[in-house]
Amino acid sequence: MNLPISWIVLLLGTPPYSVMIVSIIITFIALVIRLFILKYLIDFSIRQFIEIVLIPICIISIVSVVLPAIIFFVSAQNILQLLLVVGVSVVSICVSGYTIGLNKEERSKIRKMITSNFLRKL
């Protein structure tokens, strides 16, 4: 569905980034349909899915974009800025995903995996 709708949107004279907007909208509609299908098939809790999965993902997305955006808009556009924004983005996503996206048990497992792998290499 993405290709024909994107083609029509472009034929209407919209800018190229509208293809991405169409893709996001179609993905969101597909997610909603899948959730209702799951609810029908296996008595899936949509509310619990939203609370456990979607809200943390949205928070992580918002939090992790702040610092890279500041660096992008403040610094001069060159290769150093690119490397800095990419590096800060990776660190920002990892830190916000670790602190916001994981519960205590998951964080503990990650710490154990990192320390065991690090100590094994020493």
PDB file of N, CA and C in Angstrom:
ATOM      1  N   MET A   1       0.811  -1.209   0.000  1.00  0.00           N
ATOM      2  CA  MET A   1       0.000   0.000   0.000  1.00  0.00           C
ATOM      3  C   MET A   1       0.849   1.266   0.000  1.00  0.00           C
ATOM      4  N   ASN A   2       2.042   1.131   0.518  1.00  0.00           N
ATOM      5  CA  ASN A   2       2.887   2.309   0.641  1.00  0.00           C
ATOM      6  C   ASN A   2       3.230   2.914  -0.721  1.00  0.00           C
ATOM      7  N   LEU A   3       3.641   2.077  -1.658  1.00  0.00           N
ATOM      8  CA  LEU A   3       4.079   2.577  -2.960  1.00  0.00           C
ATOM      9  C   LEU A   3       2.969   3.282  -3.745  1.00  0.00           C
ATOM     10  N   PRO A   4       1.788   2.681  -3.906  1.00  0.00           N
ATOM     11  CA  PRO A   4       0.765   3.394  -4.688  1.00  0.00           C
ATOM     12  C   PRO A   4       0.284   4.683  -4.019  1.00  0.00           C
ATOM     13  N   ILE A   5       0.149   4.662  -2.717  1.00  0.00           N
ATOM     14  CA  ILE A   5      -0.309   5.880  -2.029  1.00  0.00           C
ATOM     15  C   ILE A   5       0.769   6.960  -2.113  1.00  0.00           C
ATOM     16  N   SER A   6       2.022   6.566  -1.913  1.00  0.00           N
ATOM     17  CA  SER A   6       3.119   7.539  -2.033  1.00  0.00           C
ATOM     18  C   SER A   6       3.193   8.107  -3.436  1.00  0.00           C
ATOM     19  N   TRP A   7       2.990   7.273  -4.440  1.00  0.00           N
ATOM     20  CA  TRP A   7       3.009   7.721  -5.836  1.00  0.00           C
ATOM     21  C   TRP A   7       1.914   8.761  -6.077  1.00  0.00           C
ATOM     22  N   ILE A   8       0.714   8.478  -5.580  1.00  0.00           N
ATOM     23  CA  ILE A   8      -0.405   9.415  -5.743  1.00  0.00           C
ATOM     24  C   ILE A   8      -0.112  10.732  -5.039  1.00  0.00           C
ATOM     25  N   VAL A   9       0.444  10.642  -3.828  1.00  0.00           N
ATOM     26  CA  VAL A   9       0.762  11.855  -3.072  1.00  0.00           C
ATOM     27  C   VAL A   9       1.798  12.692  -3.826  1.00  0.00           C
ATOM     28  N   LEU A  10       2.793  12.024  -4.410  1.00  0.00           N
ATOM     29  CA  LEU A  10       3.803  12.767  -5.178  1.00  0.00           C
ATOM     30  C   LEU A  10       3.209  13.372  -6.448  1.00  0.00           C
ATOM     31  N   LEU A  11       2.288  12.646  -7.089  1.00  0.00           N
ATOM     32  CA  LEU A  11       1.628  13.190  -8.285  1.00  0.00           C
ATOM     33  C   LEU A  11       0.797  14.435  -7.962  1.00  0.00           C
ATOM     34  N   LEU A  12       0.328  14.522  -6.715  1.00  0.00           N
ATOM     35  CA  LEU A  12      -0.436  15.694  -6.300  1.00  0.00           C
ATOM     36  C   LEU A  12       0.455  16.912  -6.053  1.00  0.00           C
ATOM     37  N   GLY A  13       1.780  16.724  -6.177  1.00  0.00           N
ATOM     38  CA  GLY A  13       2.697  17.850  -6.064  1.00  0.00           C
ATOM     39  C   GLY A  13       3.263  18.087  -4.681  1.00  0.00           C
ATOM     40  N   THR A  14       3.147  17.123  -3.809  1.00  0.00           N
ATOM     41  CA  THR A  14       3.698  17.304  -2.460  1.00  0.00           C
ATOM     42  C   THR A  14       5.215  17.135  -2.487  1.00  0.00           C
ATOM     43  N   PRO A  15       5.912  17.641  -1.466  1.00  0.00           N
ATOM     44  CA  PRO A  15       7.373  17.509  -1.430  1.00  0.00           C
ATOM     45  C   PRO A  15       7.790  16.047  -1.196  1.00  0.00           C
ATOM     46  N   PRO A  16       9.039  15.719  -1.519  1.00  0.00           N
ATOM     47  CA  PRO A  16       9.513  14.336  -1.398  1.00  0.00           C
ATOM     48  C   PRO A  16       9.386  13.737   0.005  1.00  0.00           C
ATOM     49  N   TYR A  17       9.525  14.565   1.052  1.00  0.00           N
ATOM     50  CA  TYR A  17       9.430  14.010   2.401  1.00  0.00           C
ATOM     51  C   TYR A  17       8.020  13.515   2.730  1.00  0.00           C
ATOM     52  N   SER A  18       7.048  13.855   1.911  1.00  0.00           N
ATOM     53  CA  SER A  18       5.681  13.373   2.153  1.00  0.00           C
ATOM     54  C   SER A  18       5.593  11.857   2.021  1.00  0.00           C
ATOM     55  N   VAL A  19       6.519  11.245   1.267  1.00  0.00           N
ATOM     56  CA  VAL A  19       6.560   9.784   1.154  1.00  0.00           C
ATOM     57  C   VAL A  19       6.827   9.178   2.530  1.00  0.00           C
ATOM     58  N   MET A  20       7.701   9.795   3.301  1.00  0.00           N
ATOM     59  CA  MET A  20       7.989   9.316   4.655  1.00  0.00           C
ATOM     60  C   MET A  20       6.771   9.468   5.552  1.00  0.00           C
ATOM     61  N   ILE A  21       6.065  10.565   5.429  1.00  0.00           N
ATOM     62  CA  ILE A  21       4.861  10.785   6.227  1.00  0.00           C
ATOM     63  C   ILE A  21       3.809   9.738   5.891  1.00  0.00           C
ATOM     64  N   VAL A  22       3.643   9.444   4.600  1.00  0.00           N
ATOM     65  CA  VAL A  22       2.702   8.400   4.178  1.00  0.00           C
ATOM     66  C   VAL A  22       3.102   7.063   4.788  1.00  0.00           C
ATOM     67  N   SER A  23       4.378   6.749   4.765  1.00  0.00           N
ATOM     68  CA  SER A  23       4.869   5.495   5.326  1.00  0.00           C
ATOM     69  C   SER A  23       4.589   5.399   6.824  1.00  0.00           C
ATOM     70  N   ILE A  24       4.806   6.485   7.548  1.00  0.00           N
ATOM     71  CA  ILE A  24       4.547   6.498   8.991  1.00  0.00           C
ATOM     72  C   ILE A  24       3.063   6.299   9.264  1.00  0.00           C
ATOM     73  N   ILE A  25       2.218   6.970   8.514  1.00  0.00           N
ATOM     74  CA  ILE A  25       0.767   6.837   8.713  1.00  0.00           C
ATOM     75  C   ILE A  25       0.307   5.412   8.412  1.00  0.00           C
ATOM     76  N   ILE A  26       0.786   4.829   7.317  1.00  0.00           N
ATOM     77  CA  ILE A  26       0.401   3.458   6.971  1.00  0.00           C
ATOM     78  C   ILE A  26       0.893   2.478   8.031  1.00  0.00           C
ATOM     79  N   THR A  27       2.111   2.683   8.534  1.00  0.00           N
ATOM     80  CA  THR A  27       2.647   1.815   9.581  1.00  0.00           C
ATOM     81  C   THR A  27       1.804   1.909  10.844  1.00  0.00           C
ATOM     82  N   PHE A  28       1.393   3.107  11.215  1.00  0.00           N
ATOM     83  CA  PHE A  28       0.562   3.288  12.405  1.00  0.00           C
ATOM     84  C   PHE A  28      -0.799   2.610  12.229  1.00  0.00           C
ATOM     85  N   ILE A  29      -1.416   2.781  11.065  1.00  0.00           N
ATOM     86  CA  ILE A  29      -2.711   2.136  10.805  1.00  0.00           C
ATOM     87  C   ILE A  29      -2.565   0.615  10.853  1.00  0.00           C
ATOM     88  N   ALA A  30      -1.478   0.095  10.281  1.00  0.00           N
ATOM     89  CA  ALA A  30      -1.235  -1.354  10.312  1.00  0.00           C
ATOM     90  C   ALA A  30      -1.049  -1.851  11.738  1.00  0.00           C
ATOM     91  N   LEU A  31      -0.368  -1.069  12.571  1.00  0.00           N
ATOM     92  CA  LEU A  31      -0.186  -1.447  13.976  1.00  0.00           C
ATOM     93  C   LEU A  31      -1.527  -1.545  14.690  1.00  0.00           C
ATOM     94  N   VAL A  32      -2.375  -0.549  14.484  1.00  0.00           N
ATOM     95  CA  VAL A  32      -3.694  -0.559  15.118  1.00  0.00           C
ATOM     96  C   VAL A  32      -4.497  -1.777  14.662  1.00  0.00           C
ATOM     97  N   ILE A  33      -4.469  -2.068  13.379  1.00  0.00           N
ATOM     98  CA  ILE A  33      -5.206  -3.231  12.858  1.00  0.00           C
ATOM     99  C   ILE A  33      -4.652  -4.521  13.455  1.00  0.00           C
ATOM    100  N   ARG A  34      -3.323  -4.644  13.520  1.00  0.00           N
ATOM    101  CA  ARG A  34      -2.717  -5.838  14.104  1.00  0.00           C
ATOM    102  C   ARG A  34      -3.091  -6.006  15.573  1.00  0.00           C
ATOM    103  N   LEU A  35      -3.132  -4.911  16.306  1.00  0.00           N
ATOM    104  CA  LEU A  35      -3.504  -4.994  17.721  1.00  0.00           C
ATOM    105  C   LEU A  35      -4.936  -5.492  17.883  1.00  0.00           C
ATOM    106  N   PHE A  36      -5.838  -5.005  17.042  1.00  0.00           N
ATOM    107  CA  PHE A  36      -7.224  -5.473  17.134  1.00  0.00           C
ATOM    108  C   PHE A  36      -7.353  -6.934  16.712  1.00  0.00           C
ATOM    109  N   ILE A  37      -6.573  -7.349  15.735  1.00  0.00           N
ATOM    110  CA  ILE A  37      -6.584  -8.762  15.343  1.00  0.00           C
ATOM    111  C   ILE A  37      -6.076  -9.625  16.496  1.00  0.00           C
ATOM    112  N   LEU A  38      -4.994  -9.194  17.143  1.00  0.00           N
ATOM    113  CA  LEU A  38      -4.478  -9.934  18.292  1.00  0.00           C
ATOM    114  C   LEU A  38      -5.491  -9.981  19.430  1.00  0.00           C
ATOM    115  N   LYS A  39      -6.153  -8.859  19.666  1.00  0.00           N
ATOM    116  CA  LYS A  39      -7.171  -8.820  20.717  1.00  0.00           C
ATOM    117  C   LYS A  39      -8.275  -9.831  20.429  1.00  0.00           C
ATOM    118  N   TYR A  40      -8.668  -9.951  19.183  1.00  0.00           N
ATOM    119  CA  TYR A  40      -9.721 -10.886  18.794  1.00  0.00           C
ATOM    120  C   TYR A  40      -9.233 -12.337  18.889  1.00  0.00           C
ATOM    121  N   LEU A  41      -7.998 -12.608  18.454  1.00  0.00           N
ATOM    122  CA  LEU A  41      -7.498 -13.976  18.387  1.00  0.00           C
ATOM    123  C   LEU A  41      -7.086 -14.543  19.746  1.00  0.00           C
ATOM    124  N   ILE A  42      -6.389 -13.741  20.550  1.00  0.00           N
ATOM    125  CA  ILE A  42      -5.827 -14.288  21.790  1.00  0.00           C
ATOM    126  C   ILE A  42      -6.161 -13.462  23.027  1.00  0.00           C
ATOM    127  N   ASP A  43      -7.182 -12.676  22.971  1.00  0.00           N
ATOM    128  CA  ASP A  43      -7.562 -11.837  24.110  1.00  0.00           C
ATOM    129  C   ASP A  43      -6.376 -10.975  24.570  1.00  0.00           C
ATOM    130  N   PHE A  44      -5.797 -10.286  23.624  1.00  0.00           N
ATOM    131  CA  PHE A  44      -4.631  -9.434  23.834  1.00  0.00           C
ATOM    132  C   PHE A  44      -5.054  -8.111  24.441  1.00  0.00           C
ATOM    133  N   SER A  45      -4.327  -7.627  25.449  1.00  0.00           N
ATOM    134  CA  SER A  45      -4.653  -6.358  26.098  1.00  0.00           C
ATOM    135  C   SER A  45      -3.955  -5.198  25.371  1.00  0.00           C
ATOM    136  N   ILE A  46      -4.737  -4.433  24.651  1.00  0.00           N
ATOM    137  CA  ILE A  46      -4.185  -3.283  23.928  1.00  0.00           C
ATOM    138  C   ILE A  46      -3.711  -2.218  24.911  1.00  0.00           C
ATOM    139  N   ARG A  47      -4.450  -2.007  25.976  1.00  0.00           N
ATOM    140  CA  ARG A  47      -4.066  -1.012  26.990  1.00  0.00           C
ATOM    141  C   ARG A  47      -2.716  -1.369  27.608  1.00  0.00           C
ATOM    142  N   GLN A  48      -2.522  -2.634  27.949  1.00  0.00           N
ATOM    143  CA  GLN A  48      -1.261  -3.065  28.540  1.00  0.00           C
ATOM    144  C   GLN A  48      -0.117  -2.903  27.533  1.00  0.00           C
ATOM    145  N   PHE A  49      -0.358  -3.211  26.268  1.00  0.00           N
ATOM    146  CA  PHE A  49       0.654  -3.030  25.232  1.00  0.00           C
ATOM    147  C   PHE A  49       1.053  -1.556  25.122  1.00  0.00           C
ATOM    148  N   ILE A  50       0.078  -0.684  25.164  1.00  0.00           N
ATOM    149  CA  ILE A  50       0.364   0.757  25.079  1.00  0.00           C
ATOM    150  C   ILE A  50       1.192   1.204  26.275  1.00  0.00           C
ATOM    151  N   GLU A  51       0.816   0.746  27.478  1.00  0.00           N
ATOM    152  CA  GLU A  51       1.526   1.164  28.694  1.00  0.00           C
ATOM    153  C   GLU A  51       2.935   0.589  28.771  1.00  0.00           C
ATOM    154  N   ILE A  52       3.108  -0.663  28.367  1.00  0.00           N
ATOM    155  CA  ILE A  52       4.398  -1.326  28.524  1.00  0.00           C
ATOM    156  C   ILE A  52       5.334  -1.070  27.343  1.00  0.00           C
ATOM    157  N   VAL A  53       4.783  -0.911  26.147  1.00  0.00           N
ATOM    158  CA  VAL A  53       5.627  -0.813  24.952  1.00  0.00           C
ATOM    159  C   VAL A  53       5.608   0.579  24.327  1.00  0.00           C
ATOM    160  N   LEU A  54       4.438   1.058  23.942  1.00  0.00           N
ATOM    161  CA  LEU A  54       4.373   2.295  23.147  1.00  0.00           C
ATOM    162  C   LEU A  54       4.771   3.546  23.924  1.00  0.00           C
ATOM    163  N   ILE A  55       4.288   3.694  25.138  1.00  0.00           N
ATOM    164  CA  ILE A  55       4.635   4.900  25.909  1.00  0.00           C
ATOM    165  C   ILE A  55       6.136   4.981  26.174  1.00  0.00           C
ATOM    166  N   PRO A  56       6.785   3.884  26.650  1.00  0.00           N
ATOM    167  CA  PRO A  56       8.246   3.980  26.809  1.00  0.00           C
ATOM    168  C   PRO A  56       8.980   4.273  25.501  1.00  0.00           C
ATOM    169  N   ILE A  57       8.528   3.693  24.397  1.00  0.00           N
ATOM    170  CA  ILE A  57       9.176   3.975  23.110  1.00  0.00           C
ATOM    171  C   ILE A  57       9.066   5.458  22.755  1.00  0.00           C
ATOM    172  N   CYS A  58       7.894   6.032  22.959  1.00  0.00           N
ATOM    173  CA  CYS A  58       7.707   7.465  22.662  1.00  0.00           C
ATOM    174  C   CYS A  58       8.577   8.327  23.564  1.00  0.00           C
ATOM    175  N   ILE A  59       8.640   7.996  24.849  1.00  0.00           N
ATOM    176  CA  ILE A  59       9.466   8.776  25.784  1.00  0.00           C
ATOM    177  C   ILE A  59      10.940   8.674  25.398  1.00  0.00           C
ATOM    178  N   ILE A  60      11.404   7.459  25.107  1.00  0.00           N
ATOM    179  CA  ILE A  60      12.796   7.265  24.716  1.00  0.00           C
ATOM    180  C   ILE A  60      13.093   8.049  23.440  1.00  0.00           C
ATOM    181  N   SER A  61      12.191   8.019  22.482  1.00  0.00           N
ATOM    182  CA  SER A  61      12.398   8.745  21.223  1.00  0.00           C
ATOM    183  C   SER A  61      12.532  10.239  21.457  1.00  0.00           C
ATOM    184  N   ILE A  62      11.672  10.779  22.298  1.00  0.00           N
ATOM    185  CA  ILE A  62      11.711  12.217  22.567  1.00  0.00           C
ATOM    186  C   ILE A  62      12.969  12.597  23.341  1.00  0.00           C
ATOM    187  N   VAL A  63      13.283  11.837  24.382  1.00  0.00           N
ATOM    188  CA  VAL A  63      14.440  12.150  25.221  1.00  0.00           C
ATOM    189  C   VAL A  63      15.749  11.998  24.441  1.00  0.00           C
ATOM    190  N   SER A  64      15.845  10.958  23.628  1.00  0.00           N
ATOM    191  CA  SER A  64      17.115  10.679  22.958  1.00  0.00           C
ATOM    192  C   SER A  64      17.418  11.632  21.808  1.00  0.00           C
ATOM    193  N   VAL A  65      16.449  12.391  21.351  1.00  0.00           N
ATOM    194  CA  VAL A  65      16.695  13.297  20.231  1.00  0.00           C
ATOM    195  C   VAL A  65      17.122  14.696  20.695  1.00  0.00           C
ATOM    196  N   VAL A  66      16.936  15.011  21.961  1.00  0.00           N
ATOM    197  CA  VAL A  66      17.180  16.383  22.437  1.00  0.00           C
ATOM    198  C   VAL A  66      18.645  16.785  22.288  1.00  0.00           C
ATOM    199  N   LEU A  67      19.568  16.045  22.881  1.00  0.00           N
ATOM    200  CA  LEU A  67      20.985  16.423  22.850  1.00  0.00           C
ATOM    201  C   LEU A  67      21.562  16.419  21.432  1.00  0.00           C
ATOM    202  N   PRO A  68      21.318  15.375  20.629  1.00  0.00           N
ATOM    203  CA  PRO A  68      21.819  15.442  19.246  1.00  0.00           C
ATOM    204  C   PRO A  68      21.248  16.621  18.450  1.00  0.00           C
ATOM    205  N   ALA A  69      19.988  16.963  18.683  1.00  0.00           N
ATOM    206  CA  ALA A  69      19.390  18.105  17.979  1.00  0.00           C
ATOM    207  C   ALA A  69      20.061  19.410  18.381  1.00  0.00           C
ATOM    208  N   ILE A  70      20.337  19.556  19.652  1.00  0.00           N
ATOM    209  CA  ILE A  70      21.023  20.772  20.120  1.00  0.00           C
ATOM    210  C   ILE A  70      22.389  20.882  19.449  1.00  0.00           C
ATOM    211  N   ILE A  71      23.143  19.790  19.437  1.00  0.00           N
ATOM    212  CA  ILE A  71      24.467  19.802  18.807  1.00  0.00           C
ATOM    213  C   ILE A  71      24.347  20.101  17.315  1.00  0.00           C
ATOM    214  N   PHE A  72      23.349  19.526  16.666  1.00  0.00           N
ATOM    215  CA  PHE A  72      23.161  19.748  15.231  1.00  0.00           C
ATOM    216  C   PHE A  72      22.901  21.215  14.920  1.00  0.00           C
ATOM    217  N   PHE A  73      22.031  21.842  15.706  1.00  0.00           N
ATOM    218  CA  PHE A  73      21.654  23.222  15.398  1.00  0.00           C
ATOM    219  C   PHE A  73      22.666  24.252  15.883  1.00  0.00           C
ATOM    220  N   VAL A  74      23.509  23.892  16.846  1.00  0.00           N
ATOM    221  CA  VAL A  74      24.457  24.860  17.398  1.00  0.00           C
ATOM    222  C   VAL A  74      25.789  24.842  16.658  1.00  0.00           C
ATOM    223  N   SER A  75      26.249  23.673  16.232  1.00  0.00           N
ATOM    224  CA  SER A  75      27.584  23.578  15.656  1.00  0.00           C
ATOM    225  C   SER A  75      27.567  23.800  14.139  1.00  0.00           C
ATOM    226  N   ALA A  76      28.745  24.085  13.616  1.00  0.00           N
ATOM    227  CA  ALA A  76      28.901  24.308  12.179  1.00  0.00           C
ATOM    228  C   ALA A  76      28.739  22.983  11.435  1.00  0.00           C
ATOM    229  N   GLN A  77      28.227  23.064  10.222  1.00  0.00           N
ATOM    230  CA  GLN A  77      27.993  21.845   9.444  1.00  0.00           C
ATOM    231  C   GLN A  77      29.268  21.410   8.738  1.00  0.00           C
ATOM    232  N   ASN A  78      29.856  20.341   9.263  1.00  0.00           N
ATOM    233  CA  ASN A  78      31.040  19.735   8.660  1.00  0.00           C
ATOM    234  C   ASN A  78      31.091  18.272   9.087  1.00  0.00           C
ATOM    235  N   ILE A  79      32.148  17.586   8.713  1.00  0.00           N
ATOM    236  CA  ILE A  79      32.255  16.157   9.025  1.00  0.00           C
ATOM    237  C   ILE A  79      32.364  15.919  10.525  1.00  0.00           C
ATOM    238  N   LEU A  80      32.986  16.844  11.240  1.00  0.00           N
ATOM    239  CA  LEU A  80      33.094  16.709  12.694  1.00  0.00           C
ATOM    240  C   LEU A  80      31.708  16.760  13.341  1.00  0.00           C
ATOM    241  N   GLN A  81      30.871  17.656  12.855  1.00  0.00           N
ATOM    242  CA  GLN A  81      29.504  17.736  13.375  1.00  0.00           C
ATOM    243  C   GLN A  81      28.762  16.437  13.124  1.00  0.00           C
ATOM    244  N   LEU A  82      28.919  15.879  11.934  1.00  0.00           N
ATOM    245  CA  LEU A  82      28.271  14.618  11.597  1.00  0.00           C
ATOM    246  C   LEU A  82      28.698  13.510  12.555  1.00  0.00           C
ATOM    247  N   LEU A  83      30.004  13.374  12.749  1.00  0.00           N
ATOM    248  CA  LEU A  83      30.507  12.340  13.653  1.00  0.00           C
ATOM    249  C   LEU A  83      30.048  12.565  15.087  1.00  0.00           C
ATOM    250  N   LEU A  84      30.032  13.814  15.511  1.00  0.00           N
ATOM    251  CA  LEU A  84      29.601  14.145  16.864  1.00  0.00           C
ATOM    252  C   LEU A  84      28.117  13.847  17.058  1.00  0.00           C
ATOM    253  N   VAL A  85      27.295  14.236  16.106  1.00  0.00           N
ATOM    254  CA  VAL A  85      25.849  13.988  16.208  1.00  0.00           C
ATOM    255  C   VAL A  85      25.556  12.493  16.188  1.00  0.00           C
ATOM    256  N   VAL A  86      26.222  11.748  15.317  1.00  0.00           N
ATOM    257  CA  VAL A  86      26.015  10.300  15.264  1.00  0.00           C
ATOM    258  C   VAL A  86      26.448   9.652  16.581  1.00  0.00           C
ATOM    259  N   GLY A  87      27.625  10.024  17.073  1.00  0.00           N
ATOM    260  CA  GLY A  87      28.119   9.462  18.337  1.00  0.00           C
ATOM    261  C   GLY A  87      27.219   9.789  19.513  1.00  0.00           C
ATOM    262  N   VAL A  88      26.820  11.039  19.614  1.00  0.00           N
ATOM    263  CA  VAL A  88      25.940  11.452  20.705  1.00  0.00           C
ATOM    264  C   VAL A  88      24.572  10.785  20.569  1.00  0.00           C
ATOM    265  N   SER A  89      24.107  10.591  19.342  1.00  0.00           N
ATOM    266  CA  SER A  89      22.827   9.909  19.129  1.00  0.00           C
ATOM    267  C   SER A  89      22.877   8.479  19.627  1.00  0.00           C
ATOM    268  N   VAL A  90      23.938   7.773  19.301  1.00  0.00           N
ATOM    269  CA  VAL A  90      24.079   6.387  19.743  1.00  0.00           C
ATOM    270  C   VAL A  90      24.113   6.311  21.265  1.00  0.00           C
ATOM    271  N   VAL A  91      24.921   7.156  21.884  1.00  0.00           N
ATOM    272  CA  VAL A  91      25.017   7.160  23.347  1.00  0.00           C
ATOM    273  C   VAL A  91      23.683   7.569  23.966  1.00  0.00           C
ATOM    274  N   SER A  92      23.046   8.565  23.415  1.00  0.00           N
ATOM    275  CA  SER A  92      21.770   9.049  23.937  1.00  0.00           C
ATOM    276  C   SER A  92      20.690   7.977  23.865  1.00  0.00           C
ATOM    277  N   ILE A  93      20.624   7.260  22.746  1.00  0.00           N
ATOM    278  CA  ILE A  93      19.639   6.191  22.602  1.00  0.00           C
ATOM    279  C   ILE A  93      19.936   5.058  23.573  1.00  0.00           C
ATOM    280  N   CYS A  94      21.195   4.690  23.695  1.00  0.00           N
ATOM    281  CA  CYS A  94      21.558   3.604  24.619  1.00  0.00           C
ATOM    282  C   CYS A  94      21.242   3.968  26.065  1.00  0.00           C
ATOM    283  N   VAL A  95      21.614   5.167  26.478  1.00  0.00           N
ATOM    284  CA  VAL A  95      21.378   5.578  27.866  1.00  0.00           C
ATOM    285  C   VAL A  95      19.890   5.719  28.158  1.00  0.00           C
ATOM    286  N   SER A  96      19.148   6.381  27.275  1.00  0.00           N
ATOM    287  CA  SER A  96      17.715   6.541  27.536  1.00  0.00           C
ATOM    288  C   SER A  96      16.989   5.206  27.426  1.00  0.00           C
ATOM    289  N   GLY A  97      17.400   4.349  26.504  1.00  0.00           N
ATOM    290  CA  GLY A  97      16.791   3.022  26.405  1.00  0.00           C
ATOM    291  C   GLY A  97      17.073   2.191  27.636  1.00  0.00           C
ATOM    292  N   TYR A  98      18.283   2.284  28.156  1.00  0.00           N
ATOM    293  CA  TYR A  98      18.664   1.534  29.354  1.00  0.00           C
ATOM    294  C   TYR A  98      17.903   2.032  30.581  1.00  0.00           C
ATOM    295  N   THR A  99      17.853   3.359  30.753  1.00  0.00           N
ATOM    296  CA  THR A  99      17.239   3.895  31.967  1.00  0.00           C
ATOM    297  C   THR A  99      15.717   3.935  31.914  1.00  0.00           C
ATOM    298  N   ILE A 100      15.155   4.219  30.751  1.00  0.00           N
ATOM    299  CA  ILE A 100      13.700   4.365  30.643  1.00  0.00           C
ATOM    300  C   ILE A 100      13.043   3.081  30.134  1.00  0.00           C
ATOM    301  N   GLY A 101      13.682   2.426  29.193  1.00  0.00           N
ATOM    302  CA  GLY A 101      13.046   1.308  28.515  1.00  0.00           C
ATOM    303  C   GLY A 101      13.161  -0.035  29.210  1.00  0.00           C
ATOM    304  N   LEU A 102      14.084  -0.165  30.153  1.00  0.00           N
ATOM    305  CA  LEU A 102      14.285  -1.446  30.819  1.00  0.00           C
ATOM    306  C   LEU A 102      13.839  -1.373  32.276  1.00  0.00           C
ATOM    307  N   ASN A 103      13.310  -2.484  32.777  1.00  0.00           N
ATOM    308  CA  ASN A 103      12.980  -2.543  34.198  1.00  0.00           C
ATOM    309  C   ASN A 103      14.217  -2.992  34.981  1.00  0.00           C
ATOM    310  N   LYS A 104      14.103  -3.083  36.318  1.00  0.00           N
ATOM    311  CA  LYS A 104      15.263  -3.413  37.155  1.00  0.00           C
ATOM    312  C   LYS A 104      15.872  -4.758  36.791  1.00  0.00           C
ATOM    313  N   GLU A 105      15.034  -5.738  36.553  1.00  0.00           N
ATOM    314  CA  GLU A 105      15.528  -7.081  36.232  1.00  0.00           C
ATOM    315  C   GLU A 105      16.289  -7.081  34.911  1.00  0.00           C
ATOM    316  N   GLU A 106      15.769  -6.404  33.911  1.00  0.00           N
ATOM    317  CA  GLU A 106      16.435  -6.335  32.608  1.00  0.00           C
ATOM    318  C   GLU A 106      17.756  -5.581  32.701  1.00  0.00           C
ATOM    319  N   ARG A 107      17.766  -4.476  33.470  1.00  0.00           N
ATOM    320  CA  ARG A 107      19.016  -3.728  33.656  1.00  0.00           C
ATOM    321  C   ARG A 107      20.064  -4.588  34.355  1.00  0.00           C
ATOM    322  N   SER A 108      19.630  -5.366  35.340  1.00  0.00           N
ATOM    323  CA  SER A 108      20.551  -6.248  36.055  1.00  0.00           C
ATOM    324  C   SER A 108      21.143  -7.293  35.116  1.00  0.00           C
ATOM    325  N   LYS A 109      20.329  -7.876  34.259  1.00  0.00           N
ATOM    326  CA  LYS A 109      20.823  -8.861  33.290  1.00  0.00           C
ATOM    327  C   LYS A 109      21.822  -8.238  32.333  1.00  0.00           C
ATOM    328  N   ILE A 110      21.542  -7.029  31.876  1.00  0.00           N
ATOM    329  CA  ILE A 110      22.462  -6.334  30.959  1.00  0.00           C
ATOM    330  C   ILE A 110      23.795  -6.069  31.660  1.00  0.00           C
ATOM    331  N   ARG A 111      23.731  -5.584  32.904  1.00  0.00           N
ATOM    332  CA  ARG A 111      24.975  -5.327  33.658  1.00  0.00           C
ATOM    333  C   ARG A 111      25.788  -6.605  33.814  1.00  0.00           C
ATOM    334  N   LYS A 112      25.112  -7.709  34.142  1.00  0.00           N
ATOM    335  CA  LYS A 112      25.814  -8.987  34.313  1.00  0.00           C
ATOM    336  C   LYS A 112      26.443  -9.434  33.002  1.00  0.00           C
ATOM    337  N   MET A 113      25.735  -9.276  31.895  1.00  0.00           N
ATOM    338  CA  MET A 113      26.277  -9.672  30.597  1.00  0.00           C
ATOM    339  C   MET A 113      27.498  -8.836  30.236  1.00  0.00           C
ATOM    340  N   ILE A 114      27.422  -7.548  30.471  1.00  0.00           N
ATOM    341  CA  ILE A 114      28.537  -6.657  30.136  1.00  0.00           C
ATOM    342  C   ILE A 114      29.737  -6.961  31.009  1.00  0.00           C
ATOM    343  N   THR A 115      29.528  -7.092  32.315  1.00  0.00           N
ATOM    344  CA  THR A 115      30.663  -7.354  33.205  1.00  0.00           C
ATOM    345  C   THR A 115      31.256  -8.727  32.954  1.00  0.00           C
ATOM    346  N   SER A 116      30.443  -9.739  32.707  1.00  0.00           N
ATOM    347  CA  SER A 116      30.995 -11.068  32.453  1.00  0.00           C
ATOM    348  C   SER A 116      31.776 -11.107  31.151  1.00  0.00           C
ATOM    349  N   ASN A 117      31.279 -10.461  30.118  1.00  0.00           N
ATOM    350  CA  ASN A 117      32.009 -10.413  28.843  1.00  0.00           C
ATOM    351  C   ASN A 117      33.279  -9.584  28.952  1.00  0.00           C
ATOM    352  N   PHE A 118      33.221  -8.498  29.712  1.00  0.00           N
ATOM    353  CA  PHE A 118      34.393  -7.632  29.878  1.00  0.00           C
ATOM    354  C   PHE A 118      35.469  -8.349  30.693  1.00  0.00           C
ATOM    355  N   LEU A 119      35.060  -9.016  31.781  1.00  0.00           N
ATOM    356  CA  LEU A 119      36.034  -9.699  32.620  1.00  0.00           C
ATOM    357  C   LEU A 119      36.621 -10.918  31.913  1.00  0.00           C
ATOM    358  N   ARG A 120      35.842 -11.566  31.062  1.00  0.00           N
ATOM    359  CA  ARG A 120      36.335 -12.734  30.331  1.00  0.00           C
ATOM    360  C   ARG A 120      37.437 -12.325  29.355  1.00  0.00           C
ATOM    361  N   LYS A 121      37.347 -11.131  28.788  1.00  0.00           N
ATOM    362  CA  LYS A 121      38.348 -10.683  27.825  1.00  0.00           C
ATOM    363  C   LYS A 121      39.622 -10.199  28.496  1.00  0.00           C
ATOM    364  N   LEU A 122      39.554  -9.900  29.787  1.00  0.00           N
ATOM    365  CA  LEU A 122      40.760  -9.467  30.506  1.00  0.00           C
ATOM    366  C   LEU A 122      41.490 -10.672  30.942  1.00  0.00           C
TER     367      LEU A 122
END
